[in-house]
Each structure stands twice: as C-alpha cells, then as structure tokens.
C-alpha cells in the first residue's frame, strides 16, 4: 500500500471515530446537567429521568434498524444523514422552551447518533483492508473513553454557559466529521443484492417491550407496577415467538437460540455495560443532588474514572490478545466486586468530600441522606 492510501485510511478512521464517540458522549454528558434542567423546567425526578431513558430506548431500537438501512441505501449516505440530525438537534435543543421540546430534540439526537455507529463500522469494513479488527477495537476504545469523559466535560463547561452548552460541544466535532466524511470517505457502490423485507411487526414489538421494561424499572422507586411488568413479559415473549417464525427478522432470535455460547457473551456484555453506565449516570447526580456538590466538583470527581478508562482499556485489549479472554474477564470481575465493596466502606469519606464541613457529615450519617448514599452506591 502506498503512502497516499495509508494517509487516506487514517482520515477515514478519524472521520468515523468522531461520529462513533457522539452517542456515548451525549449519553453521559447530560448526567451532570440534570439538576440544572430539573430546576429550570420545575420537574420531579421521574420526569427528568426520561431524558436518559428515552435516549437509551431510541438508541436500542434505531441502531439495528439503521444498520439495515445503511446496507440498503449506502453507508456514507446514512452516515451523513446521522451527522446532519445531530447538527440540527445540537443547535435547537438549547433553545427548548419546555421539557417536551427538549425530549423531542434529544430523540432526534439519539436517532442521529444511532446511525453513526453501524454505518461507521460498515464504512470501515468496506474501506480498511488491513488490521481491520484492530481498527474496530480502537473505535470501541474511543467510544468507551468518550463516555467516561462525558461527565467531566459537561461538569467543567456548565460553569460557564449552563446546561445548553453541553449540546454546543457537539458542533466542532460535527464540523470536522462532516468535512472529513465528504472529502475522504468514498461514495457507496450500488448494491446488487435483493431488496430487504422490513420486519415492521418485529420492530413494533421490540420497541414496545423495551419501552415497557424501561417504564417498569423507572417506576420501581415509587411503586411496583404489576400491569406494566405483565405487559413487558408478554411483549417480550410475543417478540421472540414472532421473530423465530419469519424469514428475515429484525433480531435473529434463532441465531442466539442455536448459539448459546455467543448468547452468553452478549448477556455478559449487557451486564457489564449496565454496571458501567450505572456508575457513569448515578454518581454525578448523587454528588450534586445528595451531597450538594457543584457541577464542576462532580465533573472533576468523574475525571478519575475517565483517566483510568483511557489508560487501562488499551492495556486490557493487548492483554486479551496475548492471554485470551477468560483470565482478564475473571480478574476484572474480582476487581469490580472489590471496588464496589470499597465504595461502601468509603461512603462517609465521600459524603465528607461533598459537604462543606465535617459537622455536615455527621448530619448526613445520622439523618436520612445516608440511605440515599447506600442506594446510589448499591446501584453503582
């Protein structure tokens, strides 16, 4: 490969990387802004939680859907549309006059960022022909690191421009990504494959059961909604039954049923992701709402997580390349358990960090707020 092609590939990887980081970055940046948004729009905790929950629901539905759209209509085209949607939402979201408008803008943002990962991976597979797996692994590192840095970035910037500034952060990233995509990512070749059959019923069932499970989990703090739980289980069962019987399903349930080892890997990945985002999403809110820390202090506290993620993710990747996956995963689980136990031991120290003085720590530990500490740390 000549030097010019290598340089072109590097620009392609950079263009895709800038798009891939936007979904996890915008997922976690808003956590530090939630108390400010809640105050501005006079919302309760259940209402404000939908800013995060709706983002996850839309991303879960649209990521596999847009993956198929990019196969059918061209990866570069879908990638540019995704970038355009994020541009629109990033400009209009700070101008929201109500919670409903802000939710709508976040929904557009979620659709746009959900388009970037599957389309970006497809671009890499079509244009990068050597060290392809390592490049895709690098994209995962970018995504994880950006998610970890989200609370720190927003915590520092909110001090200067309030919660709207977290949306403007996207604009320089989007500008560079658009320029690089137009200049360096090649045009899509016309596909000669057969026309896709869209599984409309499967998409509706999938959206329905994901939404019901999210509503049920969000309501647990106040009440146990038996009706929502029954509907969620029923929709999940109907979705799996329907997807197993059609030729081109939205989610290939039969593949997971016949390959249990791969299914267990997915389950493990889901559980580790839940833990990762539970920490990223709960601790900034805990620091500000319970300990009354500033957004800047919350952001700086989360910086340690960002730094450790940036340092140890590539180290763990190289370790797994040499030693396999079993031992690194086992040791990481042990370290995770030890870390959570250490959280519980240090809750009083963390409460002291978030309080103005030590006598306030005594009030926290003797009052009702210590139960809040336990809840947050159990979640994380």
Protein backbone atom coordinates (compact mmCIF):
# COMPACT_ATOMS: atom_id res chain seq x y z
CA UNK A 1 0.00 0.00 0.00
CA UNK A 2 1.38 3.41 -0.96
CA UNK A 3 1.75 6.34 1.38
CA UNK A 4 -1.21 8.25 -0.06
CA UNK A 5 -3.62 5.38 0.57
CA UNK A 6 -2.38 4.97 4.15
CA UNK A 7 -2.96 8.66 4.82
CA UNK A 8 -6.43 8.43 3.30
CA UNK A 9 -7.29 5.46 5.52
CA UNK A 10 -6.19 7.39 8.61
CA UNK A 11 -8.52 10.25 7.70
CA UNK A 12 -11.36 7.77 7.16
CA UNK A 13 -10.75 6.21 10.59
CA UNK A 14 -10.69 9.68 12.18
CA UNK A 15 -13.95 10.65 10.43
CA UNK A 16 -15.68 7.51 11.69
CA UNK A 17 -14.18 7.88 15.18
CA UNK A 18 -15.61 11.39 15.53
CA UNK A 19 -19.06 10.04 14.74
CA UNK A 20 -18.80 6.95 16.93
CA UNK A 21 -17.97 8.95 20.07
CA UNK A 22 -21.10 11.11 19.85
CA UNK A 23 -23.61 8.55 21.15
CA UNK A 24 -21.79 7.58 24.37
CA UNK A 25 -20.59 11.17 24.86
CA UNK A 26 -24.11 12.60 24.71
CA UNK A 27 -25.44 9.76 26.85
CA UNK A 28 -23.21 10.68 29.77
CA UNK A 29 -22.67 14.44 29.33
CA UNK A 30 -26.25 15.17 30.31
CA UNK A 31 -25.93 13.49 33.73
CA UNK A 32 -24.19 16.49 35.28
CA UNK A 33 -26.74 18.84 33.67
CA UNK A 34 -29.82 17.03 35.04
CA UNK A 35 -30.13 19.05 38.30
CA UNK A 36 -29.96 22.34 36.35
CA UNK A 37 -32.53 21.16 33.78
CA UNK A 38 -34.77 19.89 36.57
CA UNK A 39 -34.65 23.31 38.25
CA UNK A 40 -35.23 25.30 35.05
CA UNK A 41 -38.26 23.28 33.95
CA UNK A 42 -39.52 22.55 37.51
CA UNK A 43 -39.56 18.79 37.09
CA UNK A 44 -39.56 15.89 39.53
CA UNK A 45 -37.02 13.05 39.50
CA UNK A 46 -39.27 10.71 37.47
CA UNK A 47 -39.77 13.29 34.71
CA UNK A 48 -36.11 14.25 34.40
CA UNK A 49 -35.04 10.58 34.21
CA UNK A 50 -36.79 10.31 30.84
CA UNK A 51 -34.07 12.46 29.27
CA UNK A 52 -31.77 9.47 29.74
CA UNK A 53 -34.30 6.64 29.44
CA UNK A 54 -35.75 7.87 26.13
CA UNK A 55 -32.23 8.16 24.70
CA UNK A 56 -31.50 4.52 25.55
CA UNK A 57 -34.84 3.30 24.16
CA UNK A 58 -34.43 5.15 20.85
CA UNK A 59 -30.80 4.02 20.52
CA UNK A 60 -31.77 0.39 21.21
CA UNK A 61 -34.44 0.46 18.50
CA UNK A 62 -32.71 2.52 15.83
CA UNK A 63 -29.17 1.11 15.97
CA UNK A 64 -30.07 -2.30 14.44
CA UNK A 65 -32.72 -0.70 12.21
CA UNK A 66 -30.31 1.86 10.76
CA UNK A 67 -27.69 -0.86 10.34
CA UNK A 68 -30.02 -2.50 7.82
CA UNK A 69 -30.88 0.86 6.25
CA UNK A 70 -27.19 1.55 5.67
CA UNK A 71 -26.83 -1.83 3.93
CA UNK A 72 -29.76 -0.98 1.67
CA UNK A 73 -29.21 2.73 0.94
CA UNK A 74 -25.49 3.26 1.36
CA UNK A 75 -23.33 3.67 4.41
CA UNK A 76 -21.91 7.08 3.53
CA UNK A 77 -25.39 8.44 2.83
CA UNK A 78 -26.75 7.19 6.16
CA UNK A 79 -23.63 8.44 7.97
CA UNK A 80 -24.09 11.95 6.55
CA UNK A 81 -27.79 11.92 7.46
CA UNK A 82 -26.87 10.90 11.01
CA UNK A 83 -24.38 13.75 11.30
CA UNK A 84 -26.99 16.16 9.93
CA UNK A 85 -29.59 15.08 12.50
CA UNK A 86 -27.12 15.63 15.33
CA UNK A 87 -26.30 19.09 13.95
CA UNK A 88 -30.00 20.05 13.95
CA UNK A 89 -30.60 18.73 17.47
CA UNK A 90 -27.42 20.30 18.87
CA UNK A 91 -28.46 23.74 17.59
CA UNK A 92 -32.15 23.57 18.55
CA UNK A 93 -32.02 21.64 21.88
CA UNK A 94 -30.52 24.58 23.84
CA UNK A 95 -33.43 26.75 22.63
CA UNK A 96 -36.07 24.37 24.07
CA UNK A 97 -38.91 26.17 25.82
CA UNK A 98 -40.28 23.10 27.60
CA UNK A 99 -39.39 19.59 28.65
CA UNK A 100 -41.39 18.10 25.75
CA UNK A 101 -39.42 20.12 23.19
CA UNK A 102 -36.14 19.11 24.83
CA UNK A 103 -37.22 15.45 24.81
CA UNK A 104 -38.06 15.72 21.11
CA UNK A 105 -34.64 17.23 20.34
CA UNK A 106 -32.94 14.51 22.37
CA UNK A 107 -34.91 11.96 20.35
CA UNK A 108 -33.61 13.43 17.08
CA UNK A 109 -30.11 13.40 18.55
CA UNK A 110 -30.49 9.76 19.58
CA UNK A 111 -31.60 8.75 16.07
CA UNK A 112 -28.68 10.64 14.53
CA UNK A 113 -26.03 9.20 16.82
CA UNK A 114 -27.55 5.71 16.48
CA UNK A 115 -26.95 5.94 12.74
CA UNK A 116 -23.27 6.72 13.12
CA UNK A 117 -22.02 3.51 14.74
CA UNK A 118 -23.49 0.84 12.36
CA UNK A 119 -22.86 3.00 9.28
CA UNK A 120 -19.34 3.81 10.52
CA UNK A 121 -18.47 0.15 11.12
CA UNK A 122 -19.76 -0.66 7.63
CA UNK A 123 -17.54 2.09 6.16
CA UNK A 124 -14.50 0.66 7.98
CA UNK A 125 -15.21 -2.86 6.69
CA UNK A 126 -15.53 -1.58 3.12
CA UNK A 127 -12.54 0.78 3.05
CA UNK A 128 -9.94 -0.52 5.55
CA UNK A 129 -8.39 -3.76 4.30
CA UNK A 130 -5.58 -4.39 6.80
CA UNK A 131 -5.69 -4.56 10.62
CA UNK A 132 -9.45 -4.21 10.33
CA UNK A 133 -10.25 -5.85 13.67
CA UNK A 134 -7.73 -3.66 15.47
CA UNK A 135 -9.29 -0.54 13.92
CA UNK A 136 -12.75 -1.63 15.08
CA UNK A 137 -11.31 -2.32 18.53
CA UNK A 138 -9.83 1.18 18.53
CA UNK A 139 -13.27 2.60 17.77
CA UNK A 140 -14.61 0.77 20.83
CA UNK A 141 -11.85 2.36 22.93
CA UNK A 142 -12.84 5.78 21.57
CA UNK A 143 -16.49 5.13 22.46
CA UNK A 144 -15.73 3.91 25.98
CA UNK A 145 -13.31 6.76 26.67
CA UNK A 146 -15.73 9.41 25.39
CA UNK A 147 -18.47 8.01 27.63
CA UNK A 148 -16.13 8.20 30.61
CA UNK A 149 -15.10 11.77 29.80
CA UNK A 150 -18.70 12.95 29.26
CA UNK A 151 -19.48 13.93 32.88
CA UNK A 152 -16.10 15.66 33.28
CA UNK A 153 -16.52 17.71 30.11
CA UNK A 154 -20.06 18.79 30.96
CA UNK A 155 -19.19 19.45 34.61
CA UNK A 156 -16.45 21.89 33.66
CA UNK A 157 -18.38 23.64 30.87
CA UNK A 158 -21.73 24.07 32.66
CA UNK A 159 -20.00 26.55 34.97
CA UNK A 160 -19.63 28.92 32.02
CA UNK A 161 -22.78 28.50 29.95
CA UNK A 162 -25.32 26.44 31.88
CA UNK A 163 -26.82 23.17 30.65
CA UNK A 164 -27.34 24.34 26.99
CA UNK A 165 -23.58 24.33 26.44
CA UNK A 166 -23.44 20.51 26.53
CA UNK A 167 -25.22 20.44 23.17
CA UNK A 168 -22.92 23.03 21.59
CA UNK A 169 -19.93 20.81 22.43
CA UNK A 170 -21.01 18.59 19.53
CA UNK A 171 -20.73 21.29 16.87
CA UNK A 172 -16.93 21.45 16.36
CA UNK A 173 -16.77 17.64 16.37
CA UNK A 174 -19.59 17.51 13.81
CA UNK A 175 -17.98 20.17 11.60
CA UNK A 176 -14.70 18.24 11.39
CA UNK A 177 -16.54 14.94 10.92
CA UNK A 178 -18.65 16.31 8.06
CA UNK A 179 -15.63 17.76 6.24
CA UNK A 180 -13.60 14.55 6.56
CA UNK A 181 -16.57 12.38 5.53
CA UNK A 182 -17.23 14.42 2.38
CA UNK A 183 -13.55 14.59 1.41
CA UNK A 184 -12.23 11.14 2.22
CA UNK A 185 -14.97 8.52 2.59
CA UNK A 186 -15.66 7.06 -0.88
CA UNK A 187 -19.08 7.02 -2.45
CA UNK A 188 -21.26 3.99 -1.86
CA UNK A 189 -21.31 1.36 -4.55
CA UNK A 190 -24.71 0.38 -5.82
CA UNK A 191 -25.79 -2.84 -4.18
CA UNK A 192 -26.86 -5.72 -6.39
CA UNK A 193 -28.41 -7.62 -3.50
CA UNK A 194 -32.11 -8.29 -3.27
CA UNK A 195 -34.45 -5.76 -1.70
CA UNK A 196 -34.76 -6.04 2.06
CA UNK A 197 -38.04 -7.08 3.63
CA UNK A 198 -38.64 -4.82 6.58
CA UNK A 199 -39.93 -6.57 9.69
CA UNK A 200 -42.43 -3.88 10.75
CA UNK A 201 -44.22 -6.04 13.32
CA UNK A 202 -40.92 -7.13 14.86
CA UNK A 203 -39.77 -3.51 15.14
CA UNK A 204 -43.03 -2.51 16.86
CA UNK A 205 -42.88 -5.46 19.28
CA UNK A 206 -39.23 -4.75 20.07
CA UNK A 207 -39.94 -1.05 20.69
CA UNK A 208 -42.93 -1.96 22.83
CA UNK A 209 -41.22 -4.42 25.15
CA UNK A 210 -38.10 -2.25 25.58
CA UNK A 211 -40.29 0.75 26.47
CA UNK A 212 -42.42 -1.27 28.90
CA UNK A 213 -39.38 -2.65 30.69
CA UNK A 214 -37.96 0.88 30.98
CA UNK A 215 -41.25 2.26 32.36
CA UNK A 216 -41.43 -0.59 34.88
CA UNK A 217 -37.85 -0.06 36.09
CA UNK A 218 -38.24 3.72 36.36
CA UNK A 219 -41.39 3.32 38.44
CA UNK A 220 -39.83 0.93 40.98
CA UNK A 221 -38.76 3.81 43.22
CA UNK A 222 -42.40 4.74 43.84
CA UNK A 223 -44.40 1.57 43.24
CA UNK A 224 -44.29 -1.93 41.79
CA UNK A 225 -46.36 -1.78 38.60
CA UNK A 226 -47.66 -5.31 38.11
CA UNK A 227 -49.60 -4.38 34.99
CA UNK A 228 -46.55 -2.91 33.25
CA UNK A 229 -44.46 -5.94 34.23
CA UNK A 230 -47.02 -8.37 32.80
CA UNK A 231 -47.27 -6.38 29.54
CA UNK A 232 -43.44 -6.25 29.29
CA UNK A 233 -43.12 -10.03 29.77
CA UNK A 234 -45.95 -10.69 27.31
CA UNK A 235 -44.47 -8.41 24.62
CA UNK A 236 -41.03 -9.98 25.12
CA UNK A 237 -42.48 -13.46 24.69
CA UNK A 238 -44.50 -12.43 21.61
CA UNK A 239 -41.45 -10.74 20.08
CA UNK A 240 -39.26 -13.85 20.49
CA UNK A 241 -42.03 -16.16 19.21
CA UNK A 242 -42.71 -13.97 16.17
CA UNK A 243 -39.03 -13.44 15.29
CA UNK A 244 -38.35 -17.19 15.38
CA UNK A 245 -41.01 -17.82 12.73
CA UNK A 246 -40.23 -15.29 10.00
CA UNK A 247 -37.60 -15.48 7.28
CA UNK A 248 -35.93 -12.05 7.70
CA UNK A 249 -36.38 -11.00 11.34
CA UNK A 250 -35.48 -7.65 12.85
CA UNK A 251 -33.44 -9.51 15.50
CA UNK A 252 -32.32 -13.03 14.63
CA UNK A 253 -33.58 -14.81 17.74
CA UNK A 254 -32.94 -18.26 16.22
CA UNK A 255 -29.24 -17.43 15.89
CA UNK A 256 -28.97 -16.75 19.62
CA UNK A 257 -31.07 -19.81 20.47
CA UNK A 258 -28.79 -22.10 18.45
CA UNK A 259 -25.52 -20.49 19.63
CA UNK A 260 -25.73 -20.39 23.41
CA UNK A 261 -22.05 -19.52 23.90
CA UNK A 262 -22.45 -16.38 21.81
CA UNK A 263 -25.69 -15.59 23.66
CA UNK A 264 -23.85 -15.82 26.99
CA UNK A 265 -21.21 -13.43 25.67
CA UNK A 266 -23.95 -10.94 24.78
CA UNK A 267 -25.51 -11.35 28.24
CA UNK A 268 -22.13 -10.74 29.86
CA UNK A 269 -21.59 -7.65 27.70
CA UNK A 270 -25.04 -6.31 28.60
CA UNK A 271 -24.43 -6.80 32.31
CA UNK A 272 -21.00 -5.14 32.21
CA UNK A 273 -22.49 -2.25 30.23
CA UNK A 274 -25.25 -1.85 32.82
CA UNK A 275 -22.62 -1.62 35.57
CA UNK A 276 -20.51 0.83 33.57
CA UNK A 277 -23.39 3.18 32.83
CA UNK A 278 -24.89 2.79 36.31
CA UNK A 279 -21.68 4.32 37.67
CA UNK A 280 -21.45 7.00 34.99
CA UNK A 281 -25.09 8.03 35.26
CA UNK A 282 -25.72 7.75 39.00
CA UNK A 283 -22.63 9.22 40.67
CA UNK A 284 -22.82 12.74 39.12
CA UNK A 285 -26.47 13.04 40.19
CA UNK A 286 -25.61 11.68 43.64
CA UNK A 287 -22.79 14.18 44.09
CA UNK A 288 -24.97 17.15 43.13
CA UNK A 289 -28.39 16.19 44.50
CA UNK A 290 -27.38 14.43 47.72
CA UNK A 291 -24.01 15.95 48.59
CA UNK A 292 -24.82 19.38 47.10
CA UNK A 293 -21.54 19.48 45.17
CA UNK A 294 -21.19 21.87 42.24
CA UNK A 295 -21.25 20.64 38.64
CA UNK A 296 -17.54 21.43 38.42
CA UNK A 297 -16.76 19.32 41.50
CA UNK A 298 -18.88 16.46 40.13
CA UNK A 299 -17.07 16.64 36.79
CA UNK A 300 -13.64 16.62 38.41
CA UNK A 301 -14.62 13.66 40.60
CA UNK A 302 -15.58 11.71 37.49
CA UNK A 303 -12.23 12.59 35.91
CA UNK A 304 -10.55 9.74 37.79
CA UNK A 305 -12.86 7.24 36.09
CA UNK A 306 -12.12 8.83 32.72
CA UNK A 307 -8.36 8.67 33.21
CA UNK A 308 -8.40 5.06 34.38
CA UNK A 309 -10.64 4.05 31.44
CA UNK A 310 -8.29 5.75 29.00
CA UNK A 311 -5.20 4.07 30.49
CA UNK A 312 -6.45 0.55 31.14
CA UNK A 313 -8.71 -0.09 28.14
CA UNK A 314 -5.81 -0.42 25.64
CA UNK A 315 -3.78 -2.36 28.24
CA UNK A 316 -6.65 -4.82 28.73
CA UNK A 317 -7.07 -5.12 24.96
CA UNK A 318 -3.41 -6.11 24.48
CA UNK A 319 -3.61 -8.47 27.46
CA UNK A 320 -6.62 -10.26 25.93
CA UNK A 321 -4.83 -10.54 22.59
CA UNK A 322 -1.95 -12.38 24.28
CA UNK A 323 -3.63 -14.35 27.07
CA UNK A 324 -7.17 -14.89 25.79
CA UNK A 325 -10.37 -13.60 27.32
CA UNK A 326 -11.10 -15.87 30.29
CA UNK A 327 -8.49 -14.68 32.81
CA UNK A 328 -8.80 -10.91 32.06
CA UNK A 329 -12.59 -11.11 32.41
CA UNK A 330 -12.36 -13.09 35.64
CA UNK A 331 -9.84 -10.70 37.19
CA UNK A 332 -11.83 -7.64 36.07
CA UNK A 333 -14.94 -9.08 37.78
CA UNK A 334 -12.96 -9.59 41.03
CA UNK A 335 -11.62 -6.03 40.85
CA UNK A 336 -15.15 -4.75 40.22
CA UNK A 337 -16.52 -6.54 43.28
CA UNK A 338 -13.66 -5.22 45.40
CA UNK A 339 -14.26 -1.71 44.09
CA UNK A 340 -17.95 -1.79 44.99
CA UNK A 341 -17.15 -3.06 48.48
CA UNK A 342 -14.61 -0.27 48.83
CA UNK A 343 -17.31 2.23 47.80
CA UNK A 344 -19.45 1.10 50.72
CA UNK A 345 -16.54 1.42 53.15
CA UNK A 346 -15.69 4.91 51.94
CA UNK A 347 -19.20 6.34 51.71
CA UNK A 348 -18.61 8.50 54.79
CA UNK A 349 -15.42 9.93 53.26
CA UNK A 350 -17.24 10.68 50.01
CA UNK A 351 -20.07 12.31 51.94
CA UNK A 352 -17.46 14.45 53.69
CA UNK A 353 -15.97 15.40 50.30
CA UNK A 354 -19.35 16.64 49.10
CA UNK A 355 -20.15 18.55 52.31
CA UNK A 356 -18.90 21.96 53.29
CA UNK A 357 -17.65 20.81 56.69
CA UNK A 358 -17.27 17.76 58.90
CA UNK A 359 -20.25 18.62 61.10
CA UNK A 360 -22.42 18.36 57.99
CA UNK A 361 -21.02 14.84 57.53
CA UNK A 362 -22.39 13.95 60.95
CA UNK A 363 -25.79 15.26 59.94
CA UNK A 364 -25.67 13.17 56.77
CA UNK A 365 -24.67 9.99 58.55
CA UNK A 366 -27.27 10.50 61.31
CA UNK A 367 -30.05 11.67 59.02
CA UNK A 368 -31.99 10.23 56.16
CA UNK A 369 -29.44 11.08 53.50
CA UNK A 370 -27.18 8.18 54.44
CA UNK A 371 -29.85 5.88 52.99
CA UNK A 372 -29.51 7.81 49.74
CA UNK A 373 -25.76 7.15 49.86
CA UNK A 374 -26.37 3.41 50.19
CA UNK A 375 -28.88 3.35 47.35
CA UNK A 376 -26.55 5.15 44.95
CA UNK A 377 -23.55 3.02 45.76
CA UNK A 378 -25.52 -0.23 45.54
CA UNK A 379 -26.70 0.86 42.09
CA UNK A 380 -23.16 1.65 41.00
